[in-house]
C-alpha atoms as a PDB file:
ATOM      1  CA  UNK A   1       0.000   0.000   0.000  1.00  0.00           C
ATOM      2  CA  UNK A   2       1.465   3.349  -1.040  1.00  0.00           C
ATOM      3  CA  UNK A   3       1.578   6.402   1.207  1.00  0.00           C
ATOM      4  CA  UNK A   4       0.502   9.899   0.306  1.00  0.00           C
ATOM      5  CA  UNK A   5       1.582  13.086   2.089  1.00  0.00           C
ATOM      6  CA  UNK A   6      -1.363  15.287   3.026  1.00  0.00           C
ATOM      7  CA  UNK A   7      -0.673  18.973   3.677  1.00  0.00           C
ATOM      8  CA  UNK A   8      -3.126  21.536   4.959  1.00  0.00           C
ATOM      9  CA  UNK A   9      -1.476  24.363   3.022  1.00  0.00           C
ATOM     10  CA  UNK A  10       0.079  24.702  -0.390  1.00  0.00           C
ATOM     11  CA  UNK A  11       3.860  24.307  -0.218  1.00  0.00           C
ATOM     12  CA  UNK A  12       6.026  26.369  -2.562  1.00  0.00           C
ATOM     13  CA  UNK A  13       9.005  24.281  -3.629  1.00  0.00           C
ATOM     14  CA  UNK A  14      12.503  25.690  -3.179  1.00  0.00           C
ATOM     15  CA  UNK A  15      14.567  26.296  -6.311  1.00  0.00           C
ATOM     16  CA  UNK A  16      17.195  23.608  -7.036  1.00  0.00           C
ATOM     17  CA  UNK A  17      20.101  25.826  -5.938  1.00  0.00           C
ATOM     18  CA  UNK A  18      18.484  26.537  -2.557  1.00  0.00           C
ATOM     19  CA  UNK A  19      17.771  22.831  -2.079  1.00  0.00           C
ATOM     20  CA  UNK A  20      21.408  22.038  -2.817  1.00  0.00           C
ATOM     21  CA  UNK A  21      22.801  24.691  -0.469  1.00  0.00           C
ATOM     22  CA  UNK A  22      20.437  24.374   2.464  1.00  0.00           C
ATOM     23  CA  UNK A  23      18.837  20.905   2.305  1.00  0.00           C
ATOM     24  CA  UNK A  24      21.369  18.563   0.696  1.00  0.00           C
ATOM     25  CA  UNK A  25      23.346  16.445   3.155  1.00  0.00           C
ATOM     26  CA  UNK A  26      26.284  16.328   0.755  1.00  0.00           C
ATOM     27  CA  UNK A  27      27.077  19.900   1.798  1.00  0.00           C
ATOM     28  CA  UNK A  28      27.076  19.013   5.501  1.00  0.00           C
ATOM     29  CA  UNK A  29      30.932  19.152   5.616  1.00  0.00           C
ATOM     30  CA  UNK A  30      30.825  22.743   4.343  1.00  0.00           C
ATOM     31  CA  UNK A  31      28.359  23.785   7.025  1.00  0.00           C
ATOM     32  CA  UNK A  32      30.426  21.907   9.588  1.00  0.00           C
ATOM     33  CA  UNK A  33      33.397  24.164   8.797  1.00  0.00           C
ATOM     34  CA  UNK A  34      31.201  27.275   8.999  1.00  0.00           C
ATOM     35  CA  UNK A  35      29.817  26.071  12.334  1.00  0.00           C
ATOM     36  CA  UNK A  36      33.279  25.515  13.764  1.00  0.00           C
ATOM     37  CA  UNK A  37      34.472  28.980  12.778  1.00  0.00           C
ATOM     38  CA  UNK A  38      31.399  30.790  14.107  1.00  0.00           C
ATOM     39  CA  UNK A  39      31.168  28.522  17.144  1.00  0.00           C
ATOM     40  CA  UNK A  40      34.732  29.075  18.296  1.00  0.00           C
ATOM     41  CA  UNK A  41      34.334  32.825  17.783  1.00  0.00           C
ATOM     42  CA  UNK A  42      31.371  32.833  20.178  1.00  0.00           C
ATOM     43  CA  UNK A  43      32.970  30.406  22.615  1.00  0.00           C
ATOM     44  CA  UNK A  44      36.131  32.515  22.816  1.00  0.00           C
ATOM     45  CA  UNK A  45      34.153  35.724  23.397  1.00  0.00           C
ATOM     46  CA  UNK A  46      31.885  34.168  26.031  1.00  0.00           C
ATOM     47  CA  UNK A  47      34.549  32.259  27.922  1.00  0.00           C
ATOM     48  CA  UNK A  48      36.708  35.369  28.303  1.00  0.00           C
ATOM     49  CA  UNK A  49      33.748  37.134  29.901  1.00  0.00           C
ATOM     50  CA  UNK A  50      33.096  34.227  32.262  1.00  0.00           C
ATOM     51  CA  UNK A  51      36.647  34.046  33.593  1.00  0.00           C
ATOM     52  CA  UNK A  52      37.127  37.824  33.805  1.00  0.00           C
ATOM     53  CA  UNK A  53      37.155  38.825  37.490  1.00  0.00           C
ATOM     54  CA  UNK A  54      38.360  42.408  37.056  1.00  0.00           C
ATOM     55  CA  UNK A  55      36.693  44.926  39.363  1.00  0.00           C
ATOM     56  CA  UNK A  56      35.645  47.115  36.416  1.00  0.00           C
ATOM     57  CA  UNK A  57      35.634  44.583  33.585  1.00  0.00           C
ATOM     58  CA  UNK A  58      33.791  41.522  34.910  1.00  0.00           C
ATOM     59  CA  UNK A  59      30.473  40.341  33.492  1.00  0.00           C
ATOM     60  CA  UNK A  60      29.642  37.618  36.013  1.00  0.00           C
ATOM     61  CA  UNK A  61      30.210  39.163  39.449  1.00  0.00           C
ATOM     62  CA  UNK A  62      28.299  42.442  39.204  1.00  0.00           C
ATOM     63  CA  UNK A  63      28.282  43.218  35.482  1.00  0.00           C
ATOM     64  CA  UNK A  64      30.707  46.133  35.785  1.00  0.00           C
ATOM     65  CA  UNK A  65      32.120  45.356  32.349  1.00  0.00           C
ATOM     66  CA  UNK A  66      28.809  45.582  30.498  1.00  0.00           C
ATOM     67  CA  UNK A  67      27.857  48.641  32.568  1.00  0.00           C
ATOM     68  CA  UNK A  68      30.984  50.464  31.441  1.00  0.00           C
ATOM     69  CA  UNK A  69      30.265  49.422  27.849  1.00  0.00           C
ATOM     70  CA  UNK A  70      26.710  50.783  28.061  1.00  0.00           C
ATOM     71  CA  UNK A  71      27.930  54.093  29.457  1.00  0.00           C
ATOM     72  CA  UNK A  72      30.487  54.432  26.665  1.00  0.00           C
ATOM     73  CA  UNK A  73      28.109  53.722  23.804  1.00  0.00           C
ATOM     74  CA  UNK A  74      25.259  55.838  25.237  1.00  0.00           C
ATOM     75  CA  UNK A  75      27.435  58.946  25.590  1.00  0.00           C
ATOM     76  CA  UNK A  76      26.794  61.741  23.067  1.00  0.00           C
ATOM     77  CA  UNK A  77      30.074  63.458  22.131  1.00  0.00           C
ATOM     78  CA  UNK A  78      30.390  67.109  21.213  1.00  0.00           C
ATOM     79  CA  UNK A  79      29.921  67.987  17.551  1.00  0.00           C
ATOM     80  CA  UNK A  80      31.207  67.302  14.967  1.00  0.00           C
ATOM     81  CA  UNK A  81      31.914  63.856  16.456  1.00  0.00           C
ATOM     82  CA  UNK A  82      29.100  61.353  15.978  1.00  0.00           C
ATOM     83  CA  UNK A  83      27.678  59.115  18.742  1.00  0.00           C
ATOM     84  CA  UNK A  84      28.345  55.385  18.587  1.00  0.00           C
ATOM     85  CA  UNK A  85      24.623  54.568  18.520  1.00  0.00           C
ATOM     86  CA  UNK A  86      22.905  55.800  15.396  1.00  0.00           C
ATOM     87  CA  UNK A  87      19.301  55.188  16.501  1.00  0.00           C
ATOM     88  CA  UNK A  88      17.747  57.269  19.262  1.00  0.00           C
ATOM     89  CA  UNK A  89      15.321  54.489  20.218  1.00  0.00           C
ATOM     90  CA  UNK A  90      18.202  52.084  20.859  1.00  0.00           C
ATOM     91  CA  UNK A  91      20.089  54.688  22.891  1.00  0.00           C
ATOM     92  CA  UNK A  92      16.949  55.166  24.964  1.00  0.00           C
ATOM     93  CA  UNK A  93      16.832  51.412  25.554  1.00  0.00           C
ATOM     94  CA  UNK A  94      20.470  51.382  26.739  1.00  0.00           C
ATOM     95  CA  UNK A  95      19.877  54.397  28.979  1.00  0.00           C
ATOM     96  CA  UNK A  96      16.850  52.655  30.477  1.00  0.00           C
ATOM     97  CA  UNK A  97      18.973  49.620  31.389  1.00  0.00           C
ATOM     98  CA  UNK A  98      21.665  51.871  32.859  1.00  0.00           C
ATOM     99  CA  UNK A  99      19.142  53.743  34.993  1.00  0.00           C
ATOM    100  CA  UNK A 100      17.613  50.501  36.286  1.00  0.00           C
ATOM    101  CA  UNK A 101      20.996  48.803  36.872  1.00  0.00           C
ATOM    102  CA  UNK A 102      20.292  45.726  34.795  1.00  0.00           C
ATOM    103  CA  UNK A 103      23.996  45.097  34.296  1.00  0.00           C
ATOM    104  CA  UNK A 104      24.080  42.249  36.833  1.00  0.00           C
ATOM    105  CA  UNK A 105      21.486  40.243  34.899  1.00  0.00           C
ATOM    106  CA  UNK A 106      22.604  41.105  31.386  1.00  0.00           C
ATOM    107  CA  UNK A 107      26.278  40.567  32.191  1.00  0.00           C
ATOM    108  CA  UNK A 108      25.586  36.945  33.068  1.00  0.00           C
ATOM    109  CA  UNK A 109      23.112  36.548  30.196  1.00  0.00           C
ATOM    110  CA  UNK A 110      25.622  37.754  27.613  1.00  0.00           C
ATOM    111  CA  UNK A 111      28.591  35.796  28.971  1.00  0.00           C
ATOM    112  CA  UNK A 112      26.765  32.481  29.337  1.00  0.00           C
ATOM    113  CA  UNK A 113      24.681  33.119  26.206  1.00  0.00           C
ATOM    114  CA  UNK A 114      27.752  33.602  24.007  1.00  0.00           C
ATOM    115  CA  UNK A 115      29.328  30.490  25.487  1.00  0.00           C
ATOM    116  CA  UNK A 116      26.158  28.435  24.951  1.00  0.00           C
ATOM    117  CA  UNK A 117      25.879  29.579  21.330  1.00  0.00           C
ATOM    118  CA  UNK A 118      29.488  28.600  20.742  1.00  0.00           C
ATOM    119  CA  UNK A 119      29.063  25.149  22.258  1.00  0.00           C
ATOM    120  CA  UNK A 120      25.816  24.538  20.390  1.00  0.00           C
ATOM    121  CA  UNK A 121      27.388  25.361  17.043  1.00  0.00           C
ATOM    122  CA  UNK A 122      30.580  23.411  17.677  1.00  0.00           C
ATOM    123  CA  UNK A 123      28.703  20.310  18.840  1.00  0.00           C
ATOM    124  CA  UNK A 124      26.029  20.666  16.179  1.00  0.00           C
ATOM    125  CA  UNK A 125      23.220  20.650  18.736  1.00  0.00           C
ATOM    126  CA  UNK A 126      20.120  22.691  17.831  1.00  0.00           C
ATOM    127  CA  UNK A 127      22.137  24.603  15.254  1.00  0.00           C
ATOM    128  CA  UNK A 128      19.158  26.643  14.068  1.00  0.00           C
ATOM    129  CA  UNK A 129      18.365  27.946  17.555  1.00  0.00           C
ATOM    130  CA  UNK A 130      22.026  28.623  18.334  1.00  0.00           C
ATOM    131  CA  UNK A 131      22.518  30.481  15.049  1.00  0.00           C
ATOM    132  CA  UNK A 132      19.414  32.638  15.579  1.00  0.00           C
ATOM    133  CA  UNK A 133      20.562  33.506  19.112  1.00  0.00           C
ATOM    134  CA  UNK A 134      24.038  34.406  17.888  1.00  0.00           C
ATOM    135  CA  UNK A 135      22.698  36.519  15.015  1.00  0.00           C
ATOM    136  CA  UNK A 136      20.445  38.395  17.457  1.00  0.00           C
ATOM    137  CA  UNK A 137      23.436  39.245  19.641  1.00  0.00           C
ATOM    138  CA  UNK A 138      25.420  40.297  16.559  1.00  0.00           C
ATOM    139  CA  UNK A 139      22.589  42.631  15.592  1.00  0.00           C
ATOM    140  CA  UNK A 140      22.540  44.209  19.050  1.00  0.00           C
ATOM    141  CA  UNK A 141      26.296  44.742  19.042  1.00  0.00           C
ATOM    142  CA  UNK A 142      26.047  46.395  15.626  1.00  0.00           C
ATOM    143  CA  UNK A 143      23.205  48.642  16.800  1.00  0.00           C
ATOM    144  CA  UNK A 144      25.467  49.587  19.703  1.00  0.00           C
ATOM    145  CA  UNK A 145      28.096  50.751  17.209  1.00  0.00           C
ATOM    146  CA  UNK A 146      30.461  47.809  17.682  1.00  0.00           C
ATOM    147  CA  UNK A 147      31.446  46.530  14.244  1.00  0.00           C
ATOM    148  CA  UNK A 148      34.474  44.260  14.704  1.00  0.00           C
ATOM    149  CA  UNK A 149      33.639  40.762  13.380  1.00  0.00           C
ATOM    150  CA  UNK A 150      29.887  41.169  13.927  1.00  0.00           C
ATOM    151  CA  UNK A 151      28.885  41.726  10.259  1.00  0.00           C
ATOM    152  CA  UNK A 152      30.688  38.557   9.136  1.00  0.00           C
ATOM    153  CA  UNK A 153      29.301  36.477  12.009  1.00  0.00           C
ATOM    154  CA  UNK A 154      25.814  37.879  11.364  1.00  0.00           C
ATOM    155  CA  UNK A 155      25.942  36.826   7.698  1.00  0.00           C
ATOM    156  CA  UNK A 156      27.252  33.351   8.531  1.00  0.00           C
ATOM    157  CA  UNK A 157      24.646  33.040  11.258  1.00  0.00           C
ATOM    158  CA  UNK A 158      21.861  33.765   8.768  1.00  0.00           C
ATOM    159  CA  UNK A 159      23.249  31.129   6.411  1.00  0.00           C
ATOM    160  CA  UNK A 160      23.346  28.570   9.222  1.00  0.00           C
ATOM    161  CA  UNK A 161      19.719  29.367  10.032  1.00  0.00           C
ATOM    162  CA  UNK A 162      18.763  28.701   6.420  1.00  0.00           C
ATOM    163  CA  UNK A 163      20.723  25.432   6.466  1.00  0.00           C
ATOM    164  CA  UNK A 164      19.427  24.289   9.864  1.00  0.00           C
ATOM    165  CA  UNK A 165      18.193  20.950   8.497  1.00  0.00           C
ATOM    166  CA  UNK A 166      21.656  19.833   7.364  1.00  0.00           C
ATOM    167  CA  UNK A 167      24.111  22.162   9.141  1.00  0.00           C
ATOM    168  CA  UNK A 168      24.146  19.916  12.211  1.00  0.00           C
ATOM    169  CA  UNK A 169      24.149  16.613  10.335  1.00  0.00           C
ATOM    170  CA  UNK A 170      27.815  16.158  11.316  1.00  0.00           C
ATOM    171  CA  UNK A 171      26.933  16.644  14.945  1.00  0.00           C
ATOM    172  CA  UNK A 172      24.280  15.943  17.553  1.00  0.00           C
ATOM    173  CA  UNK A 173      21.438  17.233  15.381  1.00  0.00           C
ATOM    174  CA  UNK A 174      21.735  14.026  13.389  1.00  0.00           C
ATOM    175  CA  UNK A 175      20.284  12.323  16.488  1.00  0.00           C
ATOM    176  CA  UNK A 176      18.291  15.147  18.085  1.00  0.00           C
ATOM    177  CA  UNK A 177      16.224  16.258  15.105  1.00  0.00           C
ATOM    178  CA  UNK A 178      14.780  12.818  14.242  1.00  0.00           C
ATOM    179  CA  UNK A 179      13.883  12.319  17.911  1.00  0.00           C
ATOM    180  CA  UNK A 180      11.964  15.607  17.854  1.00  0.00           C
ATOM    181  CA  UNK A 181      10.290  14.715  14.568  1.00  0.00           C
ATOM    182  CA  UNK A 182      12.080  17.287  12.448  1.00  0.00           C
ATOM    183  CA  UNK A 183      12.524  18.317   9.710  1.00  0.00           C
ATOM    184  CA  UNK A 184       8.757  18.639   9.822  1.00  0.00           C
ATOM    185  CA  UNK A 185       6.719  16.382   7.622  1.00  0.00           C
ATOM    186  CA  UNK A 186       3.098  16.256   6.577  1.00  0.00           C
ATOM    187  CA  UNK A 187       0.686  13.685   7.918  1.00  0.00           C
ATOM    188  CA  UNK A 188       1.181  10.327   6.223  1.00  0.00           C
ATOM    189  CA  UNK A 189      -2.024   8.546   5.375  1.00  0.00           C
ATOM    190  CA  UNK A 190      -2.591   5.272   3.496  1.00  0.00           C
ATOM    191  CA  UNK A 191      -3.758   5.606  -0.068  1.00  0.00           C
ATOM    192  CA  UNK A 192      -7.409   4.611  -0.211  1.00  0.00           C
ATOM    193  CA  UNK A 193      -8.172   1.501  -2.196  1.00  0.00           C
ATOM    194  CA  UNK A 194      -9.574   2.182  -5.644  1.00  0.00           C
ATOM    195  CA  UNK A 195     -13.339   1.993  -5.851  1.00  0.00           C
ATOM    196  CA  UNK A 196     -15.391   0.662  -8.682  1.00  0.00           C
ATOM    197  CA  UNK A 197     -18.086   2.826 -10.185  1.00  0.00           C
ATOM    198  CA  UNK A 198     -21.579   1.967  -9.031  1.00  0.00           C
ATOM    199  CA  UNK A 199     -23.854   0.846 -11.845  1.00  0.00           C
ATOM    200  CA  UNK A 200     -27.569   1.086 -11.715  1.00  0.00           C
ATOM    201  CA  UNK A 201     -29.965  -0.948 -13.817  1.00  0.00           C
ATOM    202  CA  UNK A 202     -31.298   0.862 -16.810  1.00  0.00           C
ATOM    203  CA  UNK A 203     -34.837   2.068 -16.525  1.00  0.00           C
ATOM    204  CA  UNK A 204     -37.427   1.303 -19.139  1.00  0.00           C
END
């Protein structure tokens, strides 16, 4: 008995190139290399923040490091110098966190978050979630005026999100995703047996 996939909505097929890049397991080694590069970048950044115990630079103890960073990026220099933050709404958000002393919470969140993203990408565990989390942090650092390697990591993070189905194939996602039932599939139903047309006796 054959099976038929039943979908509630119409699915638009990906073009062949997109299927090759983001859904073909043969490219898993390429995404493995991308994962390792991005993962170690995050792991290095996060681990340095975890082990930093400086009175004015730590992220874990009281968040003094992130507090100093917020103060620096929120400052508005005298003209003609331009402020680090280009959007007033984001500066207002940073100033709100400074005023409410959220550095203790966000210092730990950033340090452990960067480390977790790095480990997830390196191990290939929930690559899609790790890549989205990393890209979100990259975006925030860029909004804060910190360029550094953030544009490159943001682009690679987006690519890993697109390739989430195969990016972790050389890694724990090869085991985790099937257990969770992903990549998502439609409902499989048996093909109904063919029916014969009903004939009625001719009327006189």
